[in-house]
C-alpha atoms as a PDB file:
ATOM      1  CA  MET A   1      87.604 -26.479  -4.841  1.00  0.00           C
ATOM      2  CA  GLU A   2      90.147 -24.889  -7.228  1.00  0.00           C
ATOM      3  CA  PRO A   3      89.778 -21.381  -7.847  1.00  0.00           C
ATOM      4  CA  ASP A   4      88.606 -21.942 -11.683  1.00  0.00           C
ATOM      5  CA  ALA A   5      85.719 -23.460 -10.497  1.00  0.00           C
ATOM      6  CA  SER A   6      83.962 -20.992  -7.859  1.00  0.00           C
ATOM      7  CA  GLY A   7      80.460 -20.199  -8.654  1.00  0.00           C
ATOM      8  CA  LYS A   8      80.760 -22.871 -11.621  1.00  0.00           C
ATOM      9  CA  ILE A   9      78.962 -26.049 -11.870  1.00  0.00           C
ATOM     10  CA  MET A  10      81.786 -28.707 -12.812  1.00  0.00           C
ATOM     11  CA  THR A  11      81.023 -30.678 -15.902  1.00  0.00           C
ATOM     12  CA  VAL A  12      83.108 -33.572 -17.300  1.00  0.00           C
ATOM     13  CA  LEU A  13      84.099 -30.906 -20.045  1.00  0.00           C
ATOM     14  CA  GLY A  14      85.110 -28.320 -17.282  1.00  0.00           C
ATOM     15  CA  PRO A  15      83.493 -25.614 -15.295  1.00  0.00           C
ATOM     16  CA  VAL A  16      80.559 -24.057 -16.931  1.00  0.00           C
ATOM     17  CA  GLY A  17      78.592 -21.045 -15.700  1.00  0.00           C
ATOM     18  CA  PRO A  18      75.189 -21.687 -14.240  1.00  0.00           C
ATOM     19  CA  GLU A  19      73.652 -19.526 -17.067  1.00  0.00           C
ATOM     20  CA  ALA A  20      74.363 -22.162 -19.623  1.00  0.00           C
ATOM     21  CA  PHE A  21      72.297 -24.579 -17.789  1.00  0.00           C
ATOM     22  CA  ASP A  22      68.207 -24.746 -18.984  1.00  0.00           C
ATOM     23  CA  ARG A  23      66.267 -27.731 -17.806  1.00  0.00           C
ATOM     24  CA  VAL A  24      68.274 -30.156 -15.577  1.00  0.00           C
ATOM     25  CA  LEU A  25      67.430 -33.856 -14.513  1.00  0.00           C
ATOM     26  CA  MET A  26      69.376 -34.506 -11.337  1.00  0.00           C
ATOM     27  CA  HIS A  27      69.261 -38.170 -10.790  1.00  0.00           C
ATOM     28  CA  GLU A  28      69.968 -40.172 -14.017  1.00  0.00           C
ATOM     29  CA  HIS A  29      72.515 -43.148 -14.836  1.00  0.00           C
ATOM     30  CA  LEU A  30      74.569 -43.340 -18.212  1.00  0.00           C
ATOM     31  CA  HIS A  31      76.498 -46.312 -17.263  1.00  0.00           C
ATOM     32  CA  CYS A  32      75.809 -48.419 -13.864  1.00  0.00           C
ATOM     33  CA  ASP A  33      77.451 -51.558 -14.668  1.00  0.00           C
ATOM     34  CA  PHE A  34      77.261 -53.325 -11.302  1.00  0.00           C
ATOM     35  CA  PHE A  35      77.241 -57.185 -12.558  1.00  0.00           C
ATOM     36  CA  ASP A  36      78.991 -58.966 -15.007  1.00  0.00           C
ATOM     37  CA  ALA A  37      76.673 -61.434 -16.887  1.00  0.00           C
ATOM     38  CA  ALA A  38      79.590 -63.067 -18.569  1.00  0.00           C
ATOM     39  CA  SER A  39      81.622 -63.997 -15.244  1.00  0.00           C
ATOM     40  CA  GLY A  40      78.762 -63.946 -12.764  1.00  0.00           C
ATOM     41  CA  LEU A  41      80.766 -61.586 -10.957  1.00  0.00           C
ATOM     42  CA  PRO A  42      79.935 -58.299  -9.082  1.00  0.00           C
ATOM     43  CA  VAL A  43      81.891 -55.500 -10.929  1.00  0.00           C
ATOM     44  CA  TRP A  44      84.452 -53.890  -8.291  1.00  0.00           C
ATOM     45  CA  GLU A  45      87.113 -52.062 -10.685  1.00  0.00           C
ATOM     46  CA  GLU A  46      86.186 -49.246 -12.897  1.00  0.00           C
ATOM     47  CA  LYS A  47      87.890 -49.673 -16.305  1.00  0.00           C
ATOM     48  CA  PRO A  48      87.659 -48.525 -20.289  1.00  0.00           C
ATOM     49  CA  SER A  49      85.207 -50.877 -22.106  1.00  0.00           C
ATOM     50  CA  ALA A  50      84.918 -49.994 -25.599  1.00  0.00           C
ATOM     51  CA  GLY A  51      81.787 -52.329 -25.786  1.00  0.00           C
ATOM     52  CA  ARG A  52      79.822 -50.222 -23.357  1.00  0.00           C
ATOM     53  CA  ARG A  53      81.669 -46.909 -25.104  1.00  0.00           C
ATOM     54  CA  ASP A  54      80.065 -48.375 -28.591  1.00  0.00           C
ATOM     55  CA  TYR A  55      76.620 -49.099 -27.408  1.00  0.00           C
ATOM     56  CA  LEU A  56      75.934 -46.213 -25.088  1.00  0.00           C
ATOM     57  CA  MET A  57      77.100 -44.002 -28.150  1.00  0.00           C
ATOM     58  CA  ALA A  58      74.499 -45.987 -30.185  1.00  0.00           C
ATOM     59  CA  HIS A  59      71.580 -46.054 -27.771  1.00  0.00           C
ATOM     60  CA  ALA A  60      71.802 -43.206 -25.197  1.00  0.00           C
ATOM     61  CA  MET A  61      73.632 -40.424 -26.683  1.00  0.00           C
ATOM     62  CA  PRO A  62      71.023 -40.155 -29.425  1.00  0.00           C
ATOM     63  CA  LEU A  63      68.129 -39.902 -26.894  1.00  0.00           C
ATOM     64  CA  LEU A  64      70.390 -37.414 -24.708  1.00  0.00           C
ATOM     65  CA  ARG A  65      70.824 -35.402 -27.970  1.00  0.00           C
ATOM     66  CA  GLU A  66      67.109 -35.393 -28.423  1.00  0.00           C
ATOM     67  CA  CYS A  67      66.161 -34.414 -24.784  1.00  0.00           C
ATOM     68  CA  ARG A  68      68.571 -31.564 -25.926  1.00  0.00           C
ATOM     69  CA  GLU A  69      67.381 -30.460 -29.088  1.00  0.00           C
ATOM     70  CA  LYS A  70      63.212 -31.200 -28.697  1.00  0.00           C
ATOM     71  CA  HIS A  71      63.032 -30.549 -25.147  1.00  0.00           C
ATOM     72  CA  GLY A  72      65.372 -28.091 -23.846  1.00  0.00           C
ATOM     73  CA  MET A  73      67.424 -30.259 -21.240  1.00  0.00           C
ATOM     74  CA  THR A  74      70.947 -28.939 -21.472  1.00  0.00           C
ATOM     75  CA  ALA A  75      72.605 -30.877 -18.482  1.00  0.00           C
ATOM     76  CA  TYR A  76      71.855 -33.840 -16.112  1.00  0.00           C
ATOM     77  CA  LEU A  77      73.460 -35.072 -13.124  1.00  0.00           C
ATOM     78  CA  ASP A  78      75.032 -38.709 -13.043  1.00  0.00           C
ATOM     79  CA  VAL A  79      74.785 -40.110  -9.877  1.00  0.00           C
ATOM     80  CA  THR A  80      76.402 -43.551 -10.772  1.00  0.00           C
ATOM     81  CA  MET A  81      79.423 -43.602  -8.113  1.00  0.00           C
ATOM     82  CA  PRO A  82      82.513 -46.410  -8.041  1.00  0.00           C
ATOM     83  CA  PRO A  83      83.013 -48.543  -9.207  1.00  0.00           C
ATOM     84  CA  TRP A  84      80.030 -48.832 -11.303  1.00  0.00           C
ATOM     85  CA  ARG A  85      80.332 -45.767 -13.338  1.00  0.00           C
ATOM     86  CA  GLY A  86      81.800 -45.424 -17.054  1.00  0.00           C
ATOM     87  CA  TRP A  87      85.662 -44.736 -17.567  1.00  0.00           C
ATOM     88  CA  PRO A  88      85.714 -40.725 -17.380  1.00  0.00           C
ATOM     89  CA  GLU A  89      85.968 -40.401 -21.221  1.00  0.00           C
ATOM     90  CA  LEU A  90      82.820 -42.178 -21.813  1.00  0.00           C
ATOM     91  CA  TYR A  91      80.983 -39.521 -20.517  1.00  0.00           C
ATOM     92  CA  THR A  92      83.077 -36.589 -22.254  1.00  0.00           C
ATOM     93  CA  GLU A  93      82.632 -38.458 -25.404  1.00  0.00           C
ATOM     94  CA  VAL A  94      78.487 -38.557 -25.036  1.00  0.00           C
ATOM     95  CA  SER A  95      78.888 -34.959 -23.776  1.00  0.00           C
ATOM     96  CA  ARG A  96      80.361 -33.410 -26.672  1.00  0.00           C
ATOM     97  CA  ALA A  97      78.571 -35.521 -29.171  1.00  0.00           C
ATOM     98  CA  SER A  98      74.846 -35.077 -27.636  1.00  0.00           C
ATOM     99  CA  GLY A  99      75.583 -31.239 -26.502  1.00  0.00           C
ATOM    100  CA  VAL A 100      74.418 -32.004 -23.404  1.00  0.00           C
ATOM    101  CA  HIS A 101      76.407 -31.113 -20.026  1.00  0.00           C
ATOM    102  CA  ILE A 102      77.250 -34.072 -17.874  1.00  0.00           C
ATOM    103  CA  VAL A 103      78.116 -33.793 -14.088  1.00  0.00           C
ATOM    104  CA  MET A 104      79.909 -36.975 -12.627  1.00  0.00           C
ATOM    105  CA  SER A 105      79.565 -37.919  -9.087  1.00  0.00           C
ATOM    106  CA  THR A 106      82.086 -39.561  -6.611  1.00  0.00           C
ATOM    107  CA  GLY A 107      81.023 -41.271  -3.469  1.00  0.00           C
ATOM    108  CA  PHE A 108      79.476 -44.811  -2.331  1.00  0.00           C
ATOM    109  CA  TYR A 109      76.707 -46.802  -2.917  1.00  0.00           C
ATOM    110  CA  ARG A 110      74.505 -48.271   0.146  1.00  0.00           C
ATOM    111  CA  GLU A 111      74.787 -51.508   1.938  1.00  0.00           C
ATOM    112  CA  MET A 112      72.675 -53.887  -0.252  1.00  0.00           C
ATOM    113  CA  GLU A 113      70.212 -56.346   1.484  1.00  0.00           C
ATOM    114  CA  LEU A 114      71.026 -60.193   1.219  1.00  0.00           C
ATOM    115  CA  GLY A 115      69.207 -61.651  -1.501  1.00  0.00           C
ATOM    116  CA  TYR A 116      68.744 -58.417  -3.546  1.00  0.00           C
ATOM    117  CA  ASP A 117      69.347 -59.436  -6.808  1.00  0.00           C
ATOM    118  CA  TRP A 118      72.926 -60.910  -7.172  1.00  0.00           C
ATOM    119  CA  VAL A 119      73.568 -59.986  -3.306  1.00  0.00           C
ATOM    120  CA  ASP A 120      73.663 -63.607  -2.183  1.00  0.00           C
ATOM    121  CA  ARG A 121      76.540 -63.291   0.353  1.00  0.00           C
ATOM    122  CA  PRO A 122      77.805 -60.467   2.818  1.00  0.00           C
ATOM    123  CA  GLU A 123      80.826 -59.653   0.858  1.00  0.00           C
ATOM    124  CA  ARG A 124      78.683 -58.834  -2.097  1.00  0.00           C
ATOM    125  CA  GLN A 125      76.797 -56.210  -0.191  1.00  0.00           C
ATOM    126  CA  ILE A 126      78.848 -53.342  -0.458  1.00  0.00           C
ATOM    127  CA  TRP A 127      82.246 -52.462  -2.554  1.00  0.00           C
ATOM    128  CA  PRO A 128      85.022 -54.298  -1.054  1.00  0.00           C
ATOM    129  CA  PHE A 129      87.038 -50.919  -0.748  1.00  0.00           C
ATOM    130  CA  VAL A 130      84.597 -49.570   1.480  1.00  0.00           C
ATOM    131  CA  ARG A 131      84.719 -52.340   4.250  1.00  0.00           C
ATOM    132  CA  GLU A 132      88.879 -52.262   3.913  1.00  0.00           C
ATOM    133  CA  SER A 133      89.380 -48.529   4.109  1.00  0.00           C
ATOM    134  CA  PRO A 134      89.220 -46.219   7.104  1.00  0.00           C
ATOM    135  CA  GLU A 135      86.936 -42.920   6.746  1.00  0.00           C
ATOM    136  CA  GLU A 136      90.012 -40.737   6.106  1.00  0.00           C
ATOM    137  CA  ALA A 137      90.808 -42.858   2.978  1.00  0.00           C
ATOM    138  CA  LEU A 138      87.194 -42.677   1.729  1.00  0.00           C
ATOM    139  CA  ALA A 139      87.153 -38.602   2.351  1.00  0.00           C
ATOM    140  CA  ASP A 140      90.485 -38.579   0.367  1.00  0.00           C
ATOM    141  CA  MET A 141      89.217 -40.667  -2.608  1.00  0.00           C
ATOM    142  CA  CYS A 142      86.161 -38.232  -2.968  1.00  0.00           C
ATOM    143  CA  ILE A 143      88.094 -34.911  -2.762  1.00  0.00           C
ATOM    144  CA  GLY A 144      90.618 -36.295  -5.334  1.00  0.00           C
ATOM    145  CA  GLU A 145      88.148 -36.821  -7.633  1.00  0.00           C
ATOM    146  CA  LEU A 146      86.611 -33.315  -7.202  1.00  0.00           C
ATOM    147  CA  ARG A 147      89.500 -31.602  -7.004  1.00  0.00           C
ATOM    148  CA  SER A 148      92.408 -33.415  -9.374  1.00  0.00           C
ATOM    149  CA  GLY A 149      90.268 -35.594 -11.562  1.00  0.00           C
ATOM    150  CA  ILE A 150      89.105 -39.317 -11.931  1.00  0.00           C
ATOM    151  CA  HIS A 151      91.903 -41.988 -12.600  1.00  0.00           C
ATOM    152  CA  GLY A 152      94.263 -39.644 -13.924  1.00  0.00           C
ATOM    153  CA  THR A 153      92.319 -38.261 -16.488  1.00  0.00           C
ATOM    154  CA  GLY A 154      91.629 -34.654 -15.264  1.00  0.00           C
ATOM    155  CA  VAL A 155      87.811 -35.162 -15.753  1.00  0.00           C
ATOM    156  CA  ARG A 156      86.759 -34.235 -12.468  1.00  0.00           C
ATOM    157  CA  ALA A 157      83.747 -35.116 -10.549  1.00  0.00           C
ATOM    158  CA  GLY A 158      80.980 -32.151  -9.622  1.00  0.00           C
ATOM    159  CA  ALA A 159      78.867 -33.667  -7.142  1.00  0.00           C
ATOM    160  CA  ILE A 160      79.314 -36.340  -4.308  1.00  0.00           C
ATOM    161  CA  LYS A 161      76.452 -39.019  -4.091  1.00  0.00           C
ATOM    162  CA  LEU A 162      76.065 -41.303  -0.755  1.00  0.00           C
ATOM    163  CA  GLY A 163      73.451 -44.256  -0.427  1.00  0.00           C
ATOM    164  CA  ALA A 164      71.550 -45.724   2.270  1.00  0.00           C
ATOM    165  CA  SER A 165      68.163 -47.148   2.595  1.00  0.00           C
ATOM    166  CA  GLN A 166      66.902 -48.080   5.794  1.00  0.00           C
ATOM    167  CA  ALA A 167      66.348 -45.510   8.533  1.00  0.00           C
ATOM    168  CA  PRO A 168      69.083 -46.740  10.585  1.00  0.00           C
ATOM    169  CA  LEU A 169      72.435 -46.616   8.655  1.00  0.00           C
ATOM    170  CA  THR A 170      74.649 -49.645   8.724  1.00  0.00           C
ATOM    171  CA  ALA A 171      78.270 -49.109  10.398  1.00  0.00           C
ATOM    172  CA  ALA A 172      79.621 -49.404   6.656  1.00  0.00           C
ATOM    173  CA  GLU A 173      76.973 -46.583   5.456  1.00  0.00           C
ATOM    174  CA  LEU A 174      78.187 -44.612   8.307  1.00  0.00           C
ATOM    175  CA  LYS A 175      81.488 -44.353   7.830  1.00  0.00           C
ATOM    176  CA  CYS A 176      80.680 -43.457   3.996  1.00  0.00           C
ATOM    177  CA  PHE A 177      78.238 -40.551   5.008  1.00  0.00           C
ATOM    178  CA  ARG A 178      81.037 -39.284   7.481  1.00  0.00           C
ATOM    179  CA  ALA A 179      83.672 -39.532   4.711  1.00  0.00           C
ATOM    180  CA  GLY A 180      81.293 -38.105   2.440  1.00  0.00           C
ATOM    181  CA  ALA A 181      80.556 -35.251   4.809  1.00  0.00           C
ATOM    182  CA  ARG A 182      84.304 -34.566   4.823  1.00  0.00           C
ATOM    183  CA  ALA A 183      84.413 -34.282   1.322  1.00  0.00           C
ATOM    184  CA  GLN A 184      81.585 -31.911   1.345  1.00  0.00           C
ATOM    185  CA  ILE A 185      82.740 -29.754   3.677  1.00  0.00           C
ATOM    186  CA  ALA A 186      86.327 -29.704   2.305  1.00  0.00           C
ATOM    187  CA  THR A 187      85.260 -29.009  -1.805  1.00  0.00           C
ATOM    188  CA  GLY A 188      82.007 -27.061  -1.324  1.00  0.00           C
ATOM    189  CA  ALA A 189      80.253 -29.744  -3.734  1.00  0.00           C
ATOM    190  CA  LEU A 190      76.662 -30.761  -3.560  1.00  0.00           C
ATOM    191  CA  LEU A 191      75.816 -34.000  -1.435  1.00  0.00           C
ATOM    192  CA  THR A 192      72.926 -35.745  -3.006  1.00  0.00           C
ATOM    193  CA  THR A 193      71.550 -39.521  -1.835  1.00  0.00           C
ATOM    194  CA  HIS A 194      69.612 -42.410  -2.013  1.00  0.00           C
ATOM    195  CA  CYS A 195      66.689 -42.760   0.447  1.00  0.00           C
ATOM    196  CA  THR A 196      63.973 -44.910  -0.027  1.00  0.00           C
ATOM    197  CA  ALA A 197      62.388 -45.348   3.484  1.00  0.00           C
ATOM    198  CA  LEU A 198      60.540 -43.247   5.485  1.00  0.00           C
ATOM    199  CA  GLY A 199      62.835 -42.077   8.135  1.00  0.00           C
ATOM    200  CA  GLY A 200      65.942 -42.253   6.133  1.00  0.00           C
ATOM    201  CA  GLU A 201      65.876 -38.599   5.124  1.00  0.00           C
ATOM    202  CA  SER A 202      66.309 -37.675   9.002  1.00  0.00           C
ATOM    203  CA  SER A 203      68.937 -40.378   9.714  1.00  0.00           C
ATOM    204  CA  GLN A 204      70.999 -38.924   6.963  1.00  0.00           C
ATOM    205  CA  LEU A 205      70.624 -35.387   7.495  1.00  0.00           C
ATOM    206  CA  ALA A 206      71.301 -35.892  11.240  1.00  0.00           C
ATOM    207  CA  VAL A 207      74.741 -37.434  10.579  1.00  0.00           C
ATOM    208  CA  LEU A 208      75.633 -34.832   7.891  1.00  0.00           C
ATOM    209  CA  ASP A 209      74.482 -32.123  10.254  1.00  0.00           C
ATOM    210  CA  ALA A 210      76.571 -33.494  13.099  1.00  0.00           C
ATOM    211  CA  MET A 211      79.618 -33.462  10.780  1.00  0.00           C
ATOM    212  CA  GLY A 212      79.270 -29.880  10.118  1.00  0.00           C
ATOM    213  CA  VAL A 213      77.446 -29.860   6.605  1.00  0.00           C
ATOM    214  CA  ASP A 214      75.642 -26.848   5.101  1.00  0.00           C
ATOM    215  CA  LEU A 215      72.260 -28.237   4.401  1.00  0.00           C
ATOM    216  CA  ASN A 216      71.650 -26.040   1.815  1.00  0.00           C
ATOM    217  CA  ARG A 217      74.410 -28.379   0.263  1.00  0.00           C
ATOM    218  CA  VAL A 218      72.589 -31.331   0.268  1.00  0.00           C
ATOM    219  CA  CYS A 219      69.567 -32.827  -1.899  1.00  0.00           C
ATOM    220  CA  ILE A 220      67.822 -36.527  -0.355  1.00  0.00           C
ATOM    221  CA  GLY A 221      66.866 -38.516  -3.408  1.00  0.00           C
ATOM    222  CA  HIS A 222      63.782 -40.710  -3.865  1.00  0.00           C
ATOM    223  CA  VAL A 223      61.319 -38.522  -1.690  1.00  0.00           C
ATOM    224  CA  ALA A 224      58.123 -39.188  -3.955  1.00  0.00           C
ATOM    225  CA  GLN A 225      56.722 -41.761  -1.150  1.00  0.00           C
ATOM    226  CA  HIS A 226      57.949 -39.335   1.760  1.00  0.00           C
ATOM    227  CA  MET A 227      55.996 -36.536   0.518  1.00  0.00           C
ATOM    228  CA  THR A 228      52.998 -38.237  -0.711  1.00  0.00           C
ATOM    229  CA  ASP A 229      52.633 -39.514   3.234  1.00  0.00           C
ATOM    230  CA  PRO A 230      51.411 -36.382   5.202  1.00  0.00           C
ATOM    231  CA  ALA A 231      53.654 -37.017   8.324  1.00  0.00           C
ATOM    232  CA  HIS A 232      56.746 -37.390   6.632  1.00  0.00           C
ATOM    233  CA  LEU A 233      55.527 -34.463   4.646  1.00  0.00           C
ATOM    234  CA  LYS A 234      55.989 -32.157   7.816  1.00  0.00           C
ATOM    235  CA  THR A 235      59.526 -33.923   8.643  1.00  0.00           C
ATOM    236  CA  LEU A 236      60.669 -32.725   5.167  1.00  0.00           C
ATOM    237  CA  LEU A 237      58.943 -29.043   5.476  1.00  0.00           C
ATOM    238  CA  ALA A 238      60.846 -28.758   8.881  1.00  0.00           C
ATOM    239  CA  TRP A 239      64.304 -29.977   7.020  1.00  0.00           C
ATOM    240  CA  MET A 240      63.583 -27.747   4.245  1.00  0.00           C
ATOM    241  CA  ARG A 241      63.226 -24.809   6.544  1.00  0.00           C
ATOM    242  CA  ARG A 242      66.885 -25.674   7.832  1.00  0.00           C
ATOM    243  CA  GLY A 243      68.271 -25.665   4.112  1.00  0.00           C
ATOM    244  CA  ALA A 244      67.958 -29.610   3.074  1.00  0.00           C
ATOM    245  CA  SER A 245      66.784 -30.218  -0.651  1.00  0.00           C
ATOM    246  CA  PHE A 246      64.309 -32.914  -1.764  1.00  0.00           C
ATOM    247  CA  GLN A 247      64.173 -34.795  -4.988  1.00  0.00           C
ATOM    248  CA  PRO A 248      61.280 -37.238  -5.942  1.00  0.00           C
ATOM    249  CA  THR A 249      62.167 -39.806  -9.078  1.00  0.00           C
ATOM    250  CA  ASN A 250      61.229 -42.802 -10.260  1.00  0.00           C
ATOM    251  CA  LEU A 251      58.137 -41.287 -11.693  1.00  0.00           C
ATOM    252  CA  ASN A 252      55.803 -43.438 -13.518  1.00  0.00           C
ATOM    253  CA  ALA A 253      53.160 -41.300 -15.509  1.00  0.00           C
ATOM    254  CA  SER A 254      50.600 -44.844 -15.881  1.00  0.00           C
ATOM    255  CA  GLN A 255      50.321 -44.431 -11.999  1.00  0.00           C
ATOM    256  CA  PRO A 256      48.233 -41.261 -11.557  1.00  0.00           C
ATOM    257  CA  GLN A 257      47.054 -42.678  -8.530  1.00  0.00           C
ATOM    258  CA  PHE A 258      50.378 -42.033  -6.838  1.00  0.00           C
ATOM    259  CA  TYR A 259      51.458 -39.074  -8.615  1.00  0.00           C
ATOM    260  CA  ARG A 260      48.420 -36.671  -8.228  1.00  0.00           C
ATOM    261  CA  PRO A 261      48.788 -36.681  -4.272  1.00  0.00           C
ATOM    262  CA  LEU A 262      52.619 -35.933  -5.213  1.00  0.00           C
ATOM    263  CA  ALA A 263      51.549 -32.849  -7.214  1.00  0.00           C
ATOM    264  CA  GLU A 264      49.056 -31.741  -4.567  1.00  0.00           C
ATOM    265  CA  ALA A 265      52.507 -32.240  -2.268  1.00  0.00           C
ATOM    266  CA  ILE A 266      54.680 -30.200  -4.285  1.00  0.00           C
ATOM    267  CA  HIS A 267      51.873 -27.597  -4.176  1.00  0.00           C
ATOM    268  CA  ARG A 268      52.004 -27.320  -0.399  1.00  0.00           C
ATOM    269  CA  VAL A 269      56.043 -26.935  -0.458  1.00  0.00           C
ATOM    270  CA  PHE A 270      55.539 -23.837  -2.816  1.00  0.00           C
ATOM    271  CA  ASP A 271      52.807 -22.697  -1.002  1.00  0.00           C
ATOM    272  CA  ALA A 272      54.827 -22.867   2.380  1.00  0.00           C
ATOM    273  CA  GLY A 273      57.431 -20.655   0.457  1.00  0.00           C
ATOM    274  CA  LEU A 274      59.784 -23.532   0.545  1.00  0.00           C
ATOM    275  CA  GLY A 275      59.536 -24.406  -3.503  1.00  0.00           C
ATOM    276  CA  ASP A 276      63.267 -23.575  -3.867  1.00  0.00           C
ATOM    277  CA  ARG A 277      64.271 -26.898  -2.064  1.00  0.00           C
ATOM    278  CA  LEU A 278      62.887 -29.232  -4.844  1.00  0.00           C
ATOM    279  CA  VAL A 279      64.123 -30.862  -7.859  1.00  0.00           C
ATOM    280  CA  VAL A 280      62.831 -33.516  -9.697  1.00  0.00           C
ATOM    281  CA  SER A 281      64.296 -36.474 -12.027  1.00  0.00           C
ATOM    282  CA  LEU A 282      63.447 -39.821 -13.194  1.00  0.00           C
ATOM    283  CA  ASP A 283      66.443 -42.127 -12.190  1.00  0.00           C
ATOM    284  CA  HIS A 284      66.732 -44.077 -15.533  1.00  0.00           C
ATOM    285  CA  GLY A 285      69.269 -45.209 -17.629  1.00  0.00           C
ATOM    286  CA  TYR A 286      71.557 -48.093 -18.631  1.00  0.00           C
ATOM    287  CA  GLY A 287      72.963 -50.988 -16.900  1.00  0.00           C
ATOM    288  CA  GLY A 288      74.551 -54.369 -16.248  1.00  0.00           C
ATOM    289  CA  THR A 289      72.604 -57.262 -14.515  1.00  0.00           C
ATOM    290  CA  GLY A 290      72.557 -60.876 -14.907  1.00  0.00           C
ATOM    291  CA  LYS A 291      70.839 -60.471 -18.283  1.00  0.00           C
ATOM    292  CA  GLY A 292      73.599 -58.330 -19.342  1.00  0.00           C
ATOM    293  CA  PHE A 293      73.969 -54.732 -20.293  1.00  0.00           C
ATOM    294  CA  ALA A 294      70.733 -53.127 -21.018  1.00  0.00           C
ATOM    295  CA  PRO A 295      68.359 -50.383 -20.228  1.00  0.00           C
ATOM    296  CA  ALA A 296      66.948 -49.979 -16.835  1.00  0.00           C
ATOM    297  CA  ASP A 297      63.763 -51.909 -16.662  1.00  0.00           C
ATOM    298  CA  TYR A 298      62.196 -50.464 -13.790  1.00  0.00           C
ATOM    299  CA  LEU A 299      60.703 -47.825 -15.643  1.00  0.00           C
ATOM    300  CA  PRO A 300      59.449 -47.524 -19.155  1.00  0.00           C
ATOM    301  CA  PRO A 301      61.319 -46.753 -21.983  1.00  0.00           C
ATOM    302  CA  PRO A 302      63.365 -44.866 -23.254  1.00  0.00           C
ATOM    303  CA  PRO A 303      65.766 -43.552 -20.555  1.00  0.00           C
ATOM    304  CA  PHE A 304      66.350 -40.017 -19.942  1.00  0.00           C
ATOM    305  CA  LEU A 305      63.401 -39.099 -22.853  1.00  0.00           C
ATOM    306  CA  TYR A 306      60.820 -40.685 -21.200  1.00  0.00           C
ATOM    307  CA  PHE A 307      60.597 -37.867 -18.634  1.00  0.00           C
ATOM    308  CA  PHE A 308      59.807 -35.302 -21.401  1.00  0.00           C
ATOM    309  CA  ARG A 309      57.530 -37.394 -23.196  1.00  0.00           C
ATOM    310  CA  GLU A 310      55.694 -38.459 -20.713  1.00  0.00           C
ATOM    311  CA  VAL A 311      56.166 -37.486 -17.088  1.00  0.00           C
ATOM    312  CA  LEU A 312      56.717 -33.637 -17.980  1.00  0.00           C
ATOM    313  CA  PRO A 313      53.127 -33.610 -19.515  1.00  0.00           C
ATOM    314  CA  ALA A 314      51.625 -35.684 -16.751  1.00  0.00           C
ATOM    315  CA  LEU A 315      53.164 -33.405 -14.107  1.00  0.00           C
ATOM    316  CA  ARG A 316      51.204 -30.543 -15.942  1.00  0.00           C
ATOM    317  CA  GLU A 317      47.977 -32.852 -16.458  1.00  0.00           C
ATOM    318  CA  TRP A 318      48.021 -33.576 -12.496  1.00  0.00           C
ATOM    319  CA  GLY A 319      48.321 -29.570 -11.925  1.00  0.00           C
ATOM    320  CA  LEU A 320      51.801 -28.175 -11.562  1.00  0.00           C
ATOM    321  CA  SER A 321      52.253 -24.726 -12.869  1.00  0.00           C
ATOM    322  CA  GLU A 322      54.797 -23.719 -15.389  1.00  0.00           C
ATOM    323  CA  PRO A 323      56.790 -21.490 -12.336  1.00  0.00           C
ATOM    324  CA  GLU A 324      56.829 -24.670 -10.387  1.00  0.00           C
ATOM    325  CA  LEU A 325      58.186 -26.863 -13.000  1.00  0.00           C
ATOM    326  CA  ASP A 326      60.655 -24.263 -13.992  1.00  0.00           C
ATOM    327  CA  ALA A 327      62.015 -23.883 -10.501  1.00  0.00           C
ATOM    328  CA  MET A 328      62.398 -27.581 -10.034  1.00  0.00           C
ATOM    329  CA  LEU A 329      63.778 -28.370 -13.410  1.00  0.00           C
ATOM    330  CA  ARG A 330      65.921 -25.015 -14.092  1.00  0.00           C
ATOM    331  CA  LEU A 331      66.577 -22.565 -11.081  1.00  0.00           C
ATOM    332  CA  ASN A 332      67.157 -24.985  -8.257  1.00  0.00           C
ATOM    333  CA  PRO A 333      69.428 -27.164 -10.101  1.00  0.00           C
ATOM    334  CA  ARG A 334      71.458 -24.318 -11.171  1.00  0.00           C
ATOM    335  CA  ARG A 335      71.753 -23.290  -7.553  1.00  0.00           C
ATOM    336  CA  LEU A 336      72.604 -26.877  -6.027  1.00  0.00           C
ATOM    337  CA  LEU A 337      75.061 -27.545  -8.694  1.00  0.00           C
ATOM    338  CA  ALA A 338      77.011 -24.237  -8.546  1.00  0.00           C
ATOM    339  CA  LEU A 339      79.970 -24.541  -6.386  1.00  0.00           C
ATOM    340  CA  PRO A 340      80.369 -21.718  -3.668  1.00  0.00           C
END
């Protein structure tokens, strides 16, 4: 990574000292435009969109501002990777207007299952650029976005996002993970993942470990289910002892029957002396589907703010202490996002 960023967090407005980061959500999506309802086609190219910009400035930016002004959220990690991200300058405008630091991601999404949403044929399962490119080219793309900027704008990514759902990675996903590992080693940036299947955490970490990635620079996402499964919590604890961090997401405050066990699992992690290996987030935001560009419908509204209005009070009600919450929301994100 460039010398000016050493020890700092790379935001869309440039490097910032970790001390400027208070509460941080570590897995959100301002703009995840993966399907164009008008054309009926997947989005495979990033380009500026005045319509998306105006919509998000009117709807998302005020929510982010309220998160900062009323709830102390000073930053969030945007984990939408190409080609579904917004144009870089969208993030700089929203960041300036809201006062919230935004960290963009480079990287690659998972190979989606046939029949999932708009994925009705094999060529729609993953970004064609991934299938067509060798591992080295994928790594070079990520390194360029981390070191020099995205699409020539000078706005630099500050993290790498990779995705796989099932425990065995597909050939395309394995290529992406190897490429992302190369980029992580070259830059030191945080590498965070999409991991929804039990056992997927070990498949992902084994690949990254074999490539030589420092697991202290890795955070596995979407692990609420993993943590509430006793056998898999033991697996996560073993990986935490080797340095990896984990992140429960998709927290719905109306489902206490699931999240009370999650709170108990979080206590177990802290009791084991591994509380510095947990962060937390919502996984909310805005995206394009067959219904058009709108807030995500898999969590209650509003995006971002729902965490502070509903989820954070519920976490306290379910028994999490202020030191535990402070570690997951402030201290641990600072460590993970700061470049070595």
